[in-house]
Amino acid sequence: DITQLCCLPALAAEMLVLHVAGTTVACCAQHAAIDAALCALRPNVRALEARERQQVVNRVMLMMIPAAMTILSALFLSGSREAFADHQSRWAQLSSEHAVSAGEWAGRVMLGFNLYELVLYAVYGKEIAFWIHHLVAIGITAQWLVLRTGTFYGCIALLVEGTTPCLVGTRIMKENGWTHEPSYKAFVSIFWVMW
């Protein structure tokens, strides 16, 4: 039936919205906790203007959340029967106790994290290219999560998020003049291999 393929059942749609909203709120709460911790532990961070301080906190977030998306995607793709199941099998799972796979959680985290970053952009300002990038990612991820048909390909695409901690790490090291350190060279190497 075509209606089954076009929209989630009501309970699944409500759970999707709750999961994404919860992930967004959790990201915002984590951001606030990291901000408070950095301000308490590092006087130089506390002295920064609000936008610069937000960027420091967001870099810490970028070291953690994309890594979680990568791990969830890798778990889904590594031997999971769900990774190779057709969409009708996943629809059948909606009534089971395992309705949401690790791959679908990777998408939910991706969607929630993108919404969290859009909140930061709205509050602190950001160039239009960043807005477009995140809105496109939200549109693609939302389609995969609502239709439950692109999880395998979405998880393959999310594996590239594993490069984000390396990219952020190399950027921080470069800004602090640590480009001759062995750890910098290791981060750059890992980044390029993963990418």
Protein backbone atom coordinates (compact mmCIF):
# COMPACT_ATOMS: atom_id res chain seq x y z
CA ASP A 1 0.00 0.00 0.00
CA ILE A 2 1.48 3.34 -1.08
CA THR A 3 0.19 5.14 2.03
CA GLN A 4 2.45 2.98 4.19
CA LEU A 5 5.49 4.11 2.24
CA CYS A 6 4.69 7.83 2.34
CA CYS A 7 4.35 8.54 6.00
CA LEU A 8 5.14 7.10 9.38
CA PRO A 9 2.37 5.70 11.55
CA ALA A 10 1.28 8.23 14.16
CA LEU A 11 3.16 6.66 17.09
CA ALA A 12 6.39 6.32 15.11
CA ALA A 13 6.11 9.93 13.92
CA GLU A 14 5.56 11.13 17.49
CA MET A 15 8.56 9.13 18.68
CA LEU A 16 10.71 10.54 15.87
CA VAL A 17 9.78 14.09 16.88
CA LEU A 18 10.39 13.33 20.57
CA HIS A 19 13.74 11.68 19.86
CA VAL A 20 14.97 14.55 17.68
CA ALA A 21 13.66 17.21 20.09
CA GLY A 22 15.24 15.37 23.01
CA THR A 23 18.56 15.11 21.19
CA THR A 24 18.46 18.83 20.37
CA VAL A 25 17.68 19.73 23.99
CA ALA A 26 20.41 17.36 25.20
CA CYS A 27 22.92 19.04 22.86
CA CYS A 28 21.90 22.48 24.15
CA ALA A 29 22.19 21.29 27.77
CA GLN A 30 25.58 19.73 27.06
CA HIS A 31 26.67 22.99 25.43
CA ALA A 32 25.63 24.95 28.55
CA ALA A 33 27.43 22.47 30.85
CA ILE A 34 30.63 22.61 28.80
CA ASP A 35 30.41 26.42 28.74
CA ALA A 36 30.07 26.54 32.52
CA ALA A 37 32.92 24.06 33.03
CA LEU A 38 35.28 25.88 30.67
CA CYS A 39 34.48 29.24 32.26
CA ALA A 40 35.12 27.81 35.73
CA LEU A 41 38.35 26.05 34.77
CA ARG A 42 39.81 28.39 32.16
CA PRO A 43 39.82 32.16 32.91
CA ASN A 44 40.90 32.89 29.32
CA VAL A 45 37.69 31.28 28.04
CA ARG A 46 35.59 33.23 30.52
CA ALA A 47 37.17 36.47 29.24
CA LEU A 48 36.10 35.82 25.62
CA GLU A 49 33.13 37.64 24.14
CA ALA A 50 29.95 35.53 23.89
CA ARG A 51 30.29 34.56 20.21
CA GLU A 52 33.94 33.52 20.55
CA ARG A 53 33.18 31.55 23.72
CA GLN A 54 30.33 29.77 21.92
CA GLN A 55 32.73 28.77 19.16
CA VAL A 56 35.13 27.26 21.70
CA VAL A 57 32.30 25.30 23.31
CA ASN A 58 30.97 24.20 19.92
CA ARG A 59 34.42 22.85 19.03
CA VAL A 60 34.29 20.65 22.12
CA MET A 61 30.83 19.48 21.02
CA LEU A 62 32.23 18.77 17.54
CA MET A 63 34.80 16.46 19.13
CA MET A 64 32.03 14.32 20.70
CA ILE A 65 28.71 14.29 18.86
CA PRO A 66 29.99 13.46 15.33
CA ALA A 67 32.02 10.65 16.89
CA ALA A 68 28.79 9.27 18.37
CA MET A 69 27.09 9.45 14.95
CA THR A 70 30.02 7.59 13.42
CA ILE A 71 29.94 4.88 16.09
CA LEU A 72 26.18 4.38 15.70
CA SER A 73 26.55 4.19 11.91
CA ALA A 74 29.44 1.73 12.15
CA LEU A 75 27.46 -0.46 14.58
CA PHE A 76 24.54 -0.47 12.17
CA LEU A 77 26.70 -1.30 9.17
CA SER A 78 28.91 -3.91 10.82
CA GLY A 79 27.09 -7.16 10.46
CA SER A 80 23.66 -5.93 11.43
CA ARG A 81 20.87 -7.76 9.67
CA GLU A 82 18.95 -4.49 9.78
CA ALA A 83 21.51 -2.80 7.52
CA PHE A 84 20.53 -5.05 4.65
CA ALA A 85 16.81 -5.38 5.42
CA ASP A 86 14.32 -3.93 2.99
CA HIS A 87 12.01 -1.12 4.05
CA GLN A 88 9.07 -3.49 4.54
CA SER A 89 11.04 -5.41 7.16
CA ARG A 90 11.79 -2.16 8.98
CA TRP A 91 8.11 -1.22 8.82
CA ALA A 92 7.28 -4.57 10.42
CA GLN A 93 9.67 -3.73 13.25
CA LEU A 94 7.62 -0.67 14.20
CA SER A 95 5.42 -2.88 16.33
CA SER A 96 8.37 -4.76 17.83
CA GLU A 97 10.43 -3.81 20.84
CA HIS A 98 13.39 -2.88 18.60
CA ALA A 99 11.59 -0.29 16.48
CA VAL A 100 14.54 2.06 16.06
CA SER A 101 17.86 0.67 14.82
CA ALA A 102 21.31 2.04 15.64
CA GLY A 103 21.38 3.47 12.11
CA GLU A 104 18.14 5.34 12.65
CA TRP A 105 19.50 6.64 15.95
CA ALA A 106 22.54 7.92 14.05
CA GLY A 107 20.13 9.89 11.86
CA ARG A 108 18.20 11.17 14.86
CA VAL A 109 21.44 12.37 16.47
CA MET A 110 22.44 13.99 13.17
CA LEU A 111 19.11 15.79 12.93
CA GLY A 112 19.15 16.91 16.57
CA PHE A 113 22.74 18.11 16.36
CA ASN A 114 22.03 20.09 13.17
CA LEU A 115 19.05 21.74 14.87
CA TYR A 116 21.25 22.57 17.89
CA GLU A 117 23.78 24.22 15.56
CA LEU A 118 21.01 26.20 13.84
CA VAL A 119 19.97 27.50 17.27
CA LEU A 120 23.55 28.68 17.79
CA TYR A 121 23.57 30.30 14.35
CA ALA A 122 20.33 32.12 15.12
CA VAL A 123 21.66 33.41 18.45
CA TYR A 124 25.24 34.24 17.49
CA GLY A 125 25.07 34.66 13.71
CA LYS A 126 26.75 32.67 10.97
CA GLU A 127 27.40 33.00 7.25
CA ILE A 128 24.67 31.86 4.83
CA ALA A 129 26.76 28.91 3.55
CA PHE A 130 26.59 27.28 7.00
CA TRP A 131 22.81 27.72 7.12
CA ILE A 132 22.39 26.18 3.66
CA HIS A 133 24.69 23.27 4.53
CA HIS A 134 22.72 22.44 7.68
CA LEU A 135 19.29 22.94 6.11
CA VAL A 136 20.18 20.58 3.24
CA ALA A 137 21.49 18.01 5.74
CA ILE A 138 18.28 18.32 7.77
CA GLY A 139 16.13 17.84 4.67
CA ILE A 140 18.00 14.73 3.53
CA THR A 141 18.17 13.20 7.01
CA ALA A 142 14.49 13.92 7.71
CA GLN A 143 13.50 12.21 4.46
CA TRP A 144 15.52 9.11 5.37
CA LEU A 145 14.05 9.00 8.89
CA VAL A 146 10.43 9.57 7.85
CA LEU A 147 10.46 7.15 4.91
CA ARG A 148 12.81 4.67 6.62
CA THR A 149 14.33 3.80 3.25
CA GLY A 150 17.81 5.31 3.16
CA THR A 151 19.28 4.15 6.47
CA PHE A 152 22.04 2.05 4.90
CA TYR A 153 23.17 4.87 2.59
CA GLY A 154 22.68 7.49 5.29
CA CYS A 155 24.93 5.56 7.64
CA ILE A 156 27.59 5.20 4.95
CA ALA A 157 27.46 8.98 4.45
CA LEU A 158 27.60 9.58 8.22
CA LEU A 159 30.87 7.66 8.50
CA VAL A 160 32.56 10.79 7.13
CA GLU A 161 31.53 12.53 10.37
CA GLY A 162 34.35 10.55 11.96
CA THR A 163 36.71 13.05 10.37
CA THR A 164 35.17 15.96 12.30
CA PRO A 165 37.08 15.42 15.58
CA CYS A 166 40.34 15.17 13.60
CA LEU A 167 39.50 18.31 11.62
CA VAL A 168 38.60 20.26 14.76
CA GLY A 169 41.70 18.96 16.53
CA THR A 170 43.99 20.04 13.70
CA ARG A 171 42.31 23.45 13.55
CA ILE A 172 42.80 24.02 17.28
CA MET A 173 46.43 22.90 17.07
CA LYS A 174 47.11 25.08 14.03
CA GLU A 175 45.60 28.15 15.74
CA ASN A 176 47.89 27.54 18.72
CA GLY A 177 51.01 27.09 16.58
CA TRP A 178 51.40 23.37 17.24
CA THR A 179 51.82 22.32 13.60
CA HIS A 180 55.24 20.76 14.25
CA GLU A 181 53.96 18.45 16.99
CA PRO A 182 53.77 14.69 16.22
CA SER A 183 50.14 14.63 17.42
CA TYR A 184 49.27 17.29 14.82
CA LYS A 185 50.77 15.17 12.08
CA ALA A 186 48.91 12.11 13.38
CA PHE A 187 45.58 13.99 13.43
CA VAL A 188 46.12 15.26 9.89
CA SER A 189 47.04 11.77 8.69
CA ILE A 190 43.99 10.18 10.34
CA PHE A 191 41.76 12.91 8.94
CA TRP A 192 42.91 12.32 5.36
CA VAL A 193 42.78 8.52 5.64
CA MET A 194 39.24 8.63 7.06
CA TRP A 195 38.07 11.19 4.55
